[in-house]
Amino acid sequence: MTILVTGATGNTGRHVVAELLGRGYPVRALTRDPRRAAGLLPAGVEVLAGTHTEPETLDAALDGVTALHITVTAGVAETGPELVRRAVAAGVERITILWGGYVGPAETAVAESGVTWTRLEPQEFMANALTWRESVRAEGVVREPFDLPSAVVHEGDLGAVAALALTEEGHAGRAYNLNGPEALTTRARVDILAAALGREIVFEQIGRAAAIERMLREGVSRADAEYVVGWHADPPASARIPDGTVEQLLGRPARTFADWVTEHKDRF
């Protein structure tokens, strides 16, 4: 079976690719920038230029594909239903979808596709801490609006769950809430990062409006910025309370934020 992974060079997609290759499956990686993929994806993957927000251009990418992984990013809510329709018409028999934070048009299209599907519902990624890099390097400061607990999940664990659902039976029609093994406040995560770097990092709380304005300056739409900041203002119980789903599915402990920091501390 050939498996197509969309968003293959993203924070999560690259882990899906690596897990599938590790299981011995042929993988086709879809990315807007194939040159960037050379430094991010393991050898042995077939890299194709393209984007899942333009499904009408993906007939060649879908040719011979029997399983598909979709990451819902900006624009996929609108194009996802057409992507799913084309994938099923091309012979795709199994789909995993990494949701966009809620069940929208793309997620609904997958559930109504008539093929085997699994929805992955991670809450907050550990990789969100990468947005702190510049301020940590330049000032030794992390600025965020809230200091509430969140059971952040390692992207590699999501990749492992996606690979499992794409290649093994027992996951059809399931929606998996995916979070990490411990609920950590923002300040606690900053302290773990500071300990790994061996230097002080100050946590500075900013206002909600300032957090939204910062995202707008980064090119995020106002609607998306208000949604993200609003989510962090009141995370659901599924984000705050570790539920053990990752451990149950993978048969091993979920990776901790300290594990993630060890892997990425050179980036700070």
C-alpha atoms as a PDB file:
ATOM      1  CA  MET A   1       0.000   0.000   0.000  1.00  0.00           C
ATOM      2  CA  THR A   2       1.240   3.484  -0.860  1.00  0.00           C
ATOM      3  CA  ILE A   3       0.374   6.127   1.713  1.00  0.00           C
ATOM      4  CA  LEU A   4       0.107   9.838   0.879  1.00  0.00           C
ATOM      5  CA  VAL A   5       0.903  12.271   3.694  1.00  0.00           C
ATOM      6  CA  THR A   6      -0.194  15.879   3.226  1.00  0.00           C
ATOM      7  CA  GLY A   7       1.612  18.692   5.038  1.00  0.00           C
ATOM      8  CA  ALA A   8       4.565  16.321   5.145  1.00  0.00           C
ATOM      9  CA  THR A   9       7.200  18.842   6.220  1.00  0.00           C
ATOM     10  CA  GLY A  10       5.122  20.365   9.017  1.00  0.00           C
ATOM     11  CA  ASN A  11       5.690  19.831  12.732  1.00  0.00           C
ATOM     12  CA  THR A  12       3.445  16.759  12.709  1.00  0.00           C
ATOM     13  CA  GLY A  13       3.583  15.541   9.112  1.00  0.00           C
ATOM     14  CA  ARG A  14       7.273  14.749   9.219  1.00  0.00           C
ATOM     15  CA  HIS A  15       6.684  12.434  12.172  1.00  0.00           C
ATOM     16  CA  VAL A  16       3.897  10.614  10.334  1.00  0.00           C
ATOM     17  CA  VAL A  17       6.262  10.085   7.390  1.00  0.00           C
ATOM     18  CA  ALA A  18       9.082   8.805   9.601  1.00  0.00           C
ATOM     19  CA  GLU A  19       6.829   6.391  11.487  1.00  0.00           C
ATOM     20  CA  LEU A  20       5.386   4.933   8.282  1.00  0.00           C
ATOM     21  CA  LEU A  21       8.810   4.493   6.706  1.00  0.00           C
ATOM     22  CA  GLY A  22       9.990   2.844   9.902  1.00  0.00           C
ATOM     23  CA  ARG A  23       7.151   0.347   9.515  1.00  0.00           C
ATOM     24  CA  GLY A  24       8.320  -0.414   5.984  1.00  0.00           C
ATOM     25  CA  TYR A  25       5.529   1.247   4.013  1.00  0.00           C
ATOM     26  CA  PRO A  26       6.058   3.217   0.794  1.00  0.00           C
ATOM     27  CA  VAL A  27       5.305   6.867   1.544  1.00  0.00           C
ATOM     28  CA  ARG A  28       4.491   9.746  -0.787  1.00  0.00           C
ATOM     29  CA  ALA A  29       5.061  13.126   0.876  1.00  0.00           C
ATOM     30  CA  LEU A  30       3.143  16.164  -0.354  1.00  0.00           C
ATOM     31  CA  THR A  31       4.783  19.523   0.303  1.00  0.00           C
ATOM     32  CA  ARG A  32       4.735  23.019  -1.158  1.00  0.00           C
ATOM     33  CA  ASP A  33       8.549  23.146  -1.101  1.00  0.00           C
ATOM     34  CA  PRO A  34      10.296  19.881  -2.080  1.00  0.00           C
ATOM     35  CA  ARG A  35      13.719  21.508  -1.602  1.00  0.00           C
ATOM     36  CA  ARG A  36      12.925  22.081   2.064  1.00  0.00           C
ATOM     37  CA  ALA A  37      11.908  18.448   2.411  1.00  0.00           C
ATOM     38  CA  ALA A  38      15.454  17.271   1.749  1.00  0.00           C
ATOM     39  CA  GLY A  39      16.578  18.456   5.165  1.00  0.00           C
ATOM     40  CA  LEU A  40      13.462  17.407   7.048  1.00  0.00           C
ATOM     41  CA  LEU A  41      12.366  14.007   5.760  1.00  0.00           C
ATOM     42  CA  PRO A  42      14.196  10.671   5.931  1.00  0.00           C
ATOM     43  CA  ALA A  43      15.631   8.973   2.884  1.00  0.00           C
ATOM     44  CA  GLY A  44      13.315   6.684   0.995  1.00  0.00           C
ATOM     45  CA  VAL A  45      10.270   8.921   0.833  1.00  0.00           C
ATOM     46  CA  GLU A  46       8.813   9.983  -2.518  1.00  0.00           C
ATOM     47  CA  VAL A  47       8.475  13.771  -2.388  1.00  0.00           C
ATOM     48  CA  LEU A  48       5.882  15.538  -4.548  1.00  0.00           C
ATOM     49  CA  ALA A  49       5.258  19.261  -4.927  1.00  0.00           C
ATOM     50  CA  GLY A  50       1.711  20.298  -4.160  1.00  0.00           C
ATOM     51  CA  THR A  51      -0.787  21.377  -1.550  1.00  0.00           C
ATOM     52  CA  HIS A  52      -3.991  19.873  -0.233  1.00  0.00           C
ATOM     53  CA  THR A  53      -5.661  23.249  -0.576  1.00  0.00           C
ATOM     54  CA  GLU A  54      -5.652  22.681  -4.365  1.00  0.00           C
ATOM     55  CA  PRO A  55      -7.133  19.180  -4.648  1.00  0.00           C
ATOM     56  CA  GLU A  56      -7.874  19.597  -8.350  1.00  0.00           C
ATOM     57  CA  THR A  57      -4.093  19.446  -8.970  1.00  0.00           C
ATOM     58  CA  LEU A  58      -3.518  16.214  -7.034  1.00  0.00           C
ATOM     59  CA  ASP A  59      -4.690  13.478  -9.411  1.00  0.00           C
ATOM     60  CA  ALA A  60      -1.096  12.325 -10.015  1.00  0.00           C
ATOM     61  CA  ALA A  61      -0.283  12.427  -6.310  1.00  0.00           C
ATOM     62  CA  LEU A  62      -3.331  10.244  -5.537  1.00  0.00           C
ATOM     63  CA  ASP A  63      -2.627   7.731  -8.287  1.00  0.00           C
ATOM     64  CA  GLY A  64      -2.011   4.324  -6.713  1.00  0.00           C
ATOM     65  CA  VAL A  65      -2.535   5.593  -3.162  1.00  0.00           C
ATOM     66  CA  THR A  66      -4.542   3.348  -0.840  1.00  0.00           C
ATOM     67  CA  ALA A  67      -4.254   5.363   2.403  1.00  0.00           C
ATOM     68  CA  LEU A  68      -4.186   9.107   3.061  1.00  0.00           C
ATOM     69  CA  HIS A  69      -3.212  11.312   5.994  1.00  0.00           C
ATOM     70  CA  ILE A  70      -4.736  14.806   6.004  1.00  0.00           C
ATOM     71  CA  THR A  71      -3.628  17.650   8.256  1.00  0.00           C
ATOM     72  CA  VAL A  72      -6.255  20.361   8.585  1.00  0.00           C
ATOM     73  CA  THR A  73      -4.420  23.666   8.200  1.00  0.00           C
ATOM     74  CA  ALA A  74      -5.507  27.077   6.915  1.00  0.00           C
ATOM     75  CA  GLY A  75      -7.717  26.638   3.865  1.00  0.00           C
ATOM     76  CA  VAL A  76      -8.383  22.926   4.271  1.00  0.00           C
ATOM     77  CA  ALA A  77     -11.764  23.523   5.899  1.00  0.00           C
ATOM     78  CA  GLU A  78     -12.892  24.802   2.496  1.00  0.00           C
ATOM     79  CA  THR A  79     -11.004  22.375   0.230  1.00  0.00           C
ATOM     80  CA  GLY A  80     -11.090  19.275   2.420  1.00  0.00           C
ATOM     81  CA  PRO A  81     -14.421  17.905   1.145  1.00  0.00           C
ATOM     82  CA  GLU A  82     -13.196  18.047  -2.467  1.00  0.00           C
ATOM     83  CA  LEU A  83      -9.875  16.446  -1.473  1.00  0.00           C
ATOM     84  CA  VAL A  84     -11.749  13.601   0.225  1.00  0.00           C
ATOM     85  CA  ARG A  85     -14.050  13.145  -2.774  1.00  0.00           C
ATOM     86  CA  ARG A  86     -11.118  12.929  -5.170  1.00  0.00           C
ATOM     87  CA  ALA A  87      -9.182  10.602  -2.853  1.00  0.00           C
ATOM     88  CA  VAL A  88     -12.079   8.137  -2.605  1.00  0.00           C
ATOM     89  CA  ALA A  89     -12.637   8.286  -6.365  1.00  0.00           C
ATOM     90  CA  ALA A  90      -8.926   7.512  -6.869  1.00  0.00           C
ATOM     91  CA  GLY A  91      -9.183   4.358  -4.769  1.00  0.00           C
ATOM     92  CA  VAL A  92      -8.092   5.485  -1.302  1.00  0.00           C
ATOM     93  CA  GLU A  93      -9.448   2.984   1.227  1.00  0.00           C
ATOM     94  CA  ARG A  94      -8.325   4.483   4.527  1.00  0.00           C
ATOM     95  CA  ILE A  95      -7.985   8.068   5.800  1.00  0.00           C
ATOM     96  CA  THR A  96      -6.620   9.604   8.968  1.00  0.00           C
ATOM     97  CA  ILE A  97      -7.323  13.264   9.592  1.00  0.00           C
ATOM     98  CA  LEU A  98      -5.571  15.536  12.076  1.00  0.00           C
ATOM     99  CA  TRP A  99      -8.363  17.904  13.034  1.00  0.00           C
ATOM    100  CA  GLY A 100      -8.177  21.683  13.088  1.00  0.00           C
ATOM    101  CA  GLY A 101      -9.406  21.941  16.684  1.00  0.00           C
ATOM    102  CA  TYR A 102     -13.073  21.195  15.998  1.00  0.00           C
ATOM    103  CA  VAL A 103     -15.134  19.041  13.661  1.00  0.00           C
ATOM    104  CA  GLY A 104     -15.496  21.177  10.556  1.00  0.00           C
ATOM    105  CA  PRO A 105     -16.256  20.489   6.875  1.00  0.00           C
ATOM    106  CA  ALA A 106     -13.067  18.490   6.213  1.00  0.00           C
ATOM    107  CA  GLU A 107     -13.517  16.311   9.287  1.00  0.00           C
ATOM    108  CA  THR A 108     -17.182  15.744   8.450  1.00  0.00           C
ATOM    109  CA  ALA A 109     -16.335  14.813   4.859  1.00  0.00           C
ATOM    110  CA  VAL A 110     -13.896  12.170   6.085  1.00  0.00           C
ATOM    111  CA  ALA A 111     -16.464  10.703   8.488  1.00  0.00           C
ATOM    112  CA  GLU A 112     -19.034  10.553   5.681  1.00  0.00           C
ATOM    113  CA  SER A 113     -16.604   9.287   3.002  1.00  0.00           C
ATOM    114  CA  GLY A 114     -17.649   5.638   3.149  1.00  0.00           C
ATOM    115  CA  VAL A 115     -14.057   4.442   3.675  1.00  0.00           C
ATOM    116  CA  THR A 116     -12.215   3.452   6.840  1.00  0.00           C
ATOM    117  CA  TRP A 117     -11.315   6.591   8.803  1.00  0.00           C
ATOM    118  CA  THR A 118      -9.792   7.734  12.073  1.00  0.00           C
ATOM    119  CA  ARG A 119      -9.829  11.280  13.450  1.00  0.00           C
ATOM    120  CA  LEU A 120      -6.876  12.452  15.529  1.00  0.00           C
ATOM    121  CA  GLU A 121      -7.796  15.159  18.030  1.00  0.00           C
ATOM    122  CA  PRO A 122      -4.618  16.461  19.689  1.00  0.00           C
ATOM    123  CA  GLN A 123      -5.074  19.376  22.038  1.00  0.00           C
ATOM    124  CA  GLU A 124      -1.876  21.455  22.386  1.00  0.00           C
ATOM    125  CA  PHE A 125       1.443  20.495  20.807  1.00  0.00           C
ATOM    126  CA  MET A 126       4.764  20.678  22.612  1.00  0.00           C
ATOM    127  CA  ALA A 127       6.132  22.315  19.452  1.00  0.00           C
ATOM    128  CA  ASN A 128       4.119  25.445  20.236  1.00  0.00           C
ATOM    129  CA  ALA A 129       7.060  26.300  22.486  1.00  0.00           C
ATOM    130  CA  LEU A 130       9.103  26.958  19.339  1.00  0.00           C
ATOM    131  CA  THR A 131       7.313  30.313  19.094  1.00  0.00           C
ATOM    132  CA  TRP A 132       9.414  31.332  22.113  1.00  0.00           C
ATOM    133  CA  ARG A 133      12.753  30.929  20.333  1.00  0.00           C
ATOM    134  CA  GLU A 134      13.467  34.526  19.372  1.00  0.00           C
ATOM    135  CA  SER A 135      12.558  36.066  22.715  1.00  0.00           C
ATOM    136  CA  VAL A 136      14.455  33.354  24.603  1.00  0.00           C
ATOM    137  CA  ARG A 137      17.580  33.848  22.506  1.00  0.00           C
ATOM    138  CA  ALA A 138      17.481  37.638  22.512  1.00  0.00           C
ATOM    139  CA  GLU A 139      16.093  38.449  25.959  1.00  0.00           C
ATOM    140  CA  GLY A 140      15.735  35.299  28.027  1.00  0.00           C
ATOM    141  CA  VAL A 141      11.987  35.990  28.232  1.00  0.00           C
ATOM    142  CA  VAL A 142       8.799  34.115  27.338  1.00  0.00           C
ATOM    143  CA  ARG A 143       5.674  36.268  26.953  1.00  0.00           C
ATOM    144  CA  GLU A 144       2.261  34.600  27.024  1.00  0.00           C
ATOM    145  CA  PRO A 145      -1.185  35.756  28.158  1.00  0.00           C
ATOM    146  CA  PHE A 146      -2.121  32.804  30.386  1.00  0.00           C
ATOM    147  CA  ASP A 147      -0.526  30.429  32.884  1.00  0.00           C
ATOM    148  CA  LEU A 148      -3.026  27.584  32.883  1.00  0.00           C
ATOM    149  CA  PRO A 149      -2.243  23.842  32.864  1.00  0.00           C
ATOM    150  CA  SER A 150      -2.165  21.990  29.565  1.00  0.00           C
ATOM    151  CA  ALA A 151      -1.249  18.350  28.922  1.00  0.00           C
ATOM    152  CA  VAL A 152       0.816  19.150  25.834  1.00  0.00           C
ATOM    153  CA  VAL A 153       1.452  16.243  23.456  1.00  0.00           C
ATOM    154  CA  HIS A 154       4.650  15.336  21.624  1.00  0.00           C
ATOM    155  CA  GLU A 155       4.283  15.511  17.834  1.00  0.00           C
ATOM    156  CA  GLY A 156       6.170  12.237  17.529  1.00  0.00           C
ATOM    157  CA  ASP A 157       3.482  10.494  19.551  1.00  0.00           C
ATOM    158  CA  LEU A 158       0.853  11.843  17.186  1.00  0.00           C
ATOM    159  CA  GLY A 159       2.900  10.553  14.244  1.00  0.00           C
ATOM    160  CA  ALA A 160       3.047   7.119  15.844  1.00  0.00           C
ATOM    161  CA  VAL A 161      -0.717   7.031  16.433  1.00  0.00           C
ATOM    162  CA  ALA A 162      -1.386   8.141  12.842  1.00  0.00           C
ATOM    163  CA  ALA A 163       0.877   5.392  11.483  1.00  0.00           C
ATOM    164  CA  LEU A 164      -0.910   2.856  13.673  1.00  0.00           C
ATOM    165  CA  ALA A 165      -4.338   3.904  12.436  1.00  0.00           C
ATOM    166  CA  LEU A 166      -3.193   3.941   8.804  1.00  0.00           C
ATOM    167  CA  THR A 167      -1.697   0.457   8.850  1.00  0.00           C
ATOM    168  CA  GLU A 168      -3.515  -1.640  11.465  1.00  0.00           C
ATOM    169  CA  GLU A 169      -7.080  -2.739  12.085  1.00  0.00           C
ATOM    170  CA  GLY A 170      -9.194  -1.702  15.051  1.00  0.00           C
ATOM    171  CA  HIS A 171      -9.291   2.077  14.584  1.00  0.00           C
ATOM    172  CA  ALA A 172     -12.132   2.522  12.097  1.00  0.00           C
ATOM    173  CA  GLY A 173     -14.608   5.257  12.948  1.00  0.00           C
ATOM    174  CA  ARG A 174     -12.692   6.286  16.047  1.00  0.00           C
ATOM    175  CA  ALA A 175     -11.909   9.816  17.234  1.00  0.00           C
ATOM    176  CA  TYR A 176      -8.894   9.859  19.541  1.00  0.00           C
ATOM    177  CA  ASN A 177      -8.273  12.671  22.009  1.00  0.00           C
ATOM    178  CA  LEU A 178      -4.484  12.907  22.200  1.00  0.00           C
ATOM    179  CA  ASN A 179      -2.682  14.652  25.015  1.00  0.00           C
ATOM    180  CA  GLY A 180       0.526  14.257  26.977  1.00  0.00           C
ATOM    181  CA  PRO A 181       1.342  12.520  30.257  1.00  0.00           C
ATOM    182  CA  GLU A 182       1.317  15.583  32.531  1.00  0.00           C
ATOM    183  CA  ALA A 183      -0.549  18.877  32.857  1.00  0.00           C
ATOM    184  CA  LEU A 184       1.957  21.734  32.893  1.00  0.00           C
ATOM    185  CA  THR A 185       1.378  25.453  33.259  1.00  0.00           C
ATOM    186  CA  THR A 186       3.195  27.799  30.902  1.00  0.00           C
ATOM    187  CA  ARG A 187       5.511  28.779  33.755  1.00  0.00           C
ATOM    188  CA  ALA A 188       6.308  25.117  34.464  1.00  0.00           C
ATOM    189  CA  ARG A 189       7.249  24.531  30.812  1.00  0.00           C
ATOM    190  CA  VAL A 190       9.426  27.636  30.842  1.00  0.00           C
ATOM    191  CA  ASP A 191      11.188  26.333  33.953  1.00  0.00           C
ATOM    192  CA  ILE A 192      11.850  22.962  32.294  1.00  0.00           C
ATOM    193  CA  LEU A 193      13.323  24.745  29.268  1.00  0.00           C
ATOM    194  CA  ALA A 194      15.459  27.004  31.472  1.00  0.00           C
ATOM    195  CA  ALA A 195      16.843  24.008  33.390  1.00  0.00           C
ATOM    196  CA  ALA A 196      17.786  22.251  30.152  1.00  0.00           C
ATOM    197  CA  LEU A 197      19.511  25.371  28.796  1.00  0.00           C
ATOM    198  CA  GLY A 198      21.236  26.061  32.107  1.00  0.00           C
ATOM    199  CA  ARG A 199      20.170  29.689  32.272  1.00  0.00           C
ATOM    200  CA  GLU A 200      17.351  31.800  33.615  1.00  0.00           C
ATOM    201  CA  ILE A 201      14.266  32.444  31.491  1.00  0.00           C
ATOM    202  CA  VAL A 202      11.692  34.905  32.782  1.00  0.00           C
ATOM    203  CA  PHE A 203       7.987  34.266  32.230  1.00  0.00           C
ATOM    204  CA  GLU A 204       6.178  37.547  31.554  1.00  0.00           C
ATOM    205  CA  GLN A 205       2.397  37.547  31.387  1.00  0.00           C
ATOM    206  CA  ILE A 206       0.853  39.811  28.741  1.00  0.00           C
ATOM    207  CA  GLY A 207      -2.735  40.866  28.110  1.00  0.00           C
ATOM    208  CA  ARG A 208      -5.162  39.048  25.857  1.00  0.00           C
ATOM    209  CA  ALA A 209      -5.320  41.963  23.407  1.00  0.00           C
ATOM    210  CA  ALA A 210      -1.523  42.043  23.151  1.00  0.00           C
ATOM    211  CA  ALA A 211      -1.461  38.319  22.378  1.00  0.00           C
ATOM    212  CA  ILE A 212      -4.009  38.774  19.589  1.00  0.00           C
ATOM    213  CA  GLU A 213      -2.110  41.726  18.126  1.00  0.00           C
ATOM    214  CA  ARG A 214       1.098  39.685  18.131  1.00  0.00           C
ATOM    215  CA  MET A 215      -0.560  36.968  16.068  1.00  0.00           C
ATOM    216  CA  LEU A 216      -1.984  39.535  13.660  1.00  0.00           C
ATOM    217  CA  ARG A 217       1.544  40.886  13.082  1.00  0.00           C
ATOM    218  CA  GLU A 218       2.615  37.330  12.242  1.00  0.00           C
ATOM    219  CA  GLY A 219       0.003  37.134   9.481  1.00  0.00           C
ATOM    220  CA  VAL A 220      -2.686  35.175  11.326  1.00  0.00           C
ATOM    221  CA  SER A 221      -6.251  36.214  10.538  1.00  0.00           C
ATOM    222  CA  ARG A 222      -8.164  37.980  13.306  1.00  0.00           C
ATOM    223  CA  ALA A 223     -10.707  35.167  13.494  1.00  0.00           C
ATOM    224  CA  ASP A 224      -7.970  32.551  13.939  1.00  0.00           C
ATOM    225  CA  ALA A 225      -6.046  34.711  16.421  1.00  0.00           C
ATOM    226  CA  GLU A 226      -9.136  35.265  18.563  1.00  0.00           C
ATOM    227  CA  TYR A 227      -9.962  31.550  18.423  1.00  0.00           C
ATOM    228  CA  VAL A 228      -6.461  30.470  19.501  1.00  0.00           C
ATOM    229  CA  VAL A 229      -6.158  33.021  22.299  1.00  0.00           C
ATOM    230  CA  GLY A 230      -9.694  32.246  23.452  1.00  0.00           C
ATOM    231  CA  TRP A 231      -8.884  28.541  23.571  1.00  0.00           C
ATOM    232  CA  HIS A 232      -5.837  29.206  25.756  1.00  0.00           C
ATOM    233  CA  ALA A 233      -7.923  31.404  28.041  1.00  0.00           C
ATOM    234  CA  ASP A 234     -10.154  28.445  28.899  1.00  0.00           C
ATOM    235  CA  PRO A 235      -8.711  25.097  27.753  1.00  0.00           C
ATOM    236  CA  PRO A 236     -11.192  22.215  27.750  1.00  0.00           C
ATOM    237  CA  ALA A 237     -10.846  19.332  30.181  1.00  0.00           C
ATOM    238  CA  SER A 238      -9.588  17.193  27.277  1.00  0.00           C
ATOM    239  CA  ALA A 239      -6.533  19.476  27.143  1.00  0.00           C
ATOM    240  CA  ARG A 240      -5.996  19.887  30.873  1.00  0.00           C
ATOM    241  CA  ILE A 241      -6.409  16.296  32.074  1.00  0.00           C
ATOM    242  CA  PRO A 242      -4.072  13.542  30.793  1.00  0.00           C
ATOM    243  CA  ASP A 243      -6.263  10.648  29.674  1.00  0.00           C
ATOM    244  CA  GLY A 244      -3.715   7.975  28.779  1.00  0.00           C
ATOM    245  CA  THR A 245      -4.956   7.435  25.207  1.00  0.00           C
ATOM    246  CA  VAL A 246      -1.459   7.655  23.731  1.00  0.00           C
ATOM    247  CA  GLU A 247      -0.112   5.108  26.194  1.00  0.00           C
ATOM    248  CA  GLN A 248      -3.013   2.739  25.558  1.00  0.00           C
ATOM    249  CA  LEU A 249      -2.663   2.904  21.780  1.00  0.00           C
ATOM    250  CA  LEU A 250       1.124   2.702  21.559  1.00  0.00           C
ATOM    251  CA  GLY A 251       1.792   0.363  24.475  1.00  0.00           C
ATOM    252  CA  ARG A 252       4.459   2.663  25.888  1.00  0.00           C
ATOM    253  CA  PRO A 253       4.566   5.877  27.949  1.00  0.00           C
ATOM    254  CA  ALA A 254       3.783   9.130  26.177  1.00  0.00           C
ATOM    255  CA  ARG A 255       6.828  11.359  25.752  1.00  0.00           C
ATOM    256  CA  THR A 256       7.207  14.179  28.257  1.00  0.00           C
ATOM    257  CA  PHE A 257       7.868  17.868  27.706  1.00  0.00           C
ATOM    258  CA  ALA A 258      11.310  17.317  29.226  1.00  0.00           C
ATOM    259  CA  ASP A 259      11.932  14.723  26.487  1.00  0.00           C
ATOM    260  CA  TRP A 260      10.852  17.245  23.862  1.00  0.00           C
ATOM    261  CA  VAL A 261      13.119  19.949  25.285  1.00  0.00           C
ATOM    262  CA  THR A 262      16.101  17.581  25.237  1.00  0.00           C
ATOM    263  CA  GLU A 263      15.471  16.971  21.527  1.00  0.00           C
ATOM    264  CA  HIS A 264      15.031  20.664  20.641  1.00  0.00           C
ATOM    265  CA  LYS A 265      17.074  22.718  23.100  1.00  0.00           C
ATOM    266  CA  ASP A 266      19.705  23.576  20.466  1.00  0.00           C
ATOM    267  CA  ARG A 267      16.987  25.535  18.646  1.00  0.00           C
ATOM    268  CA  PHE A 268      16.755  27.938  21.578  1.00  0.00           C
END
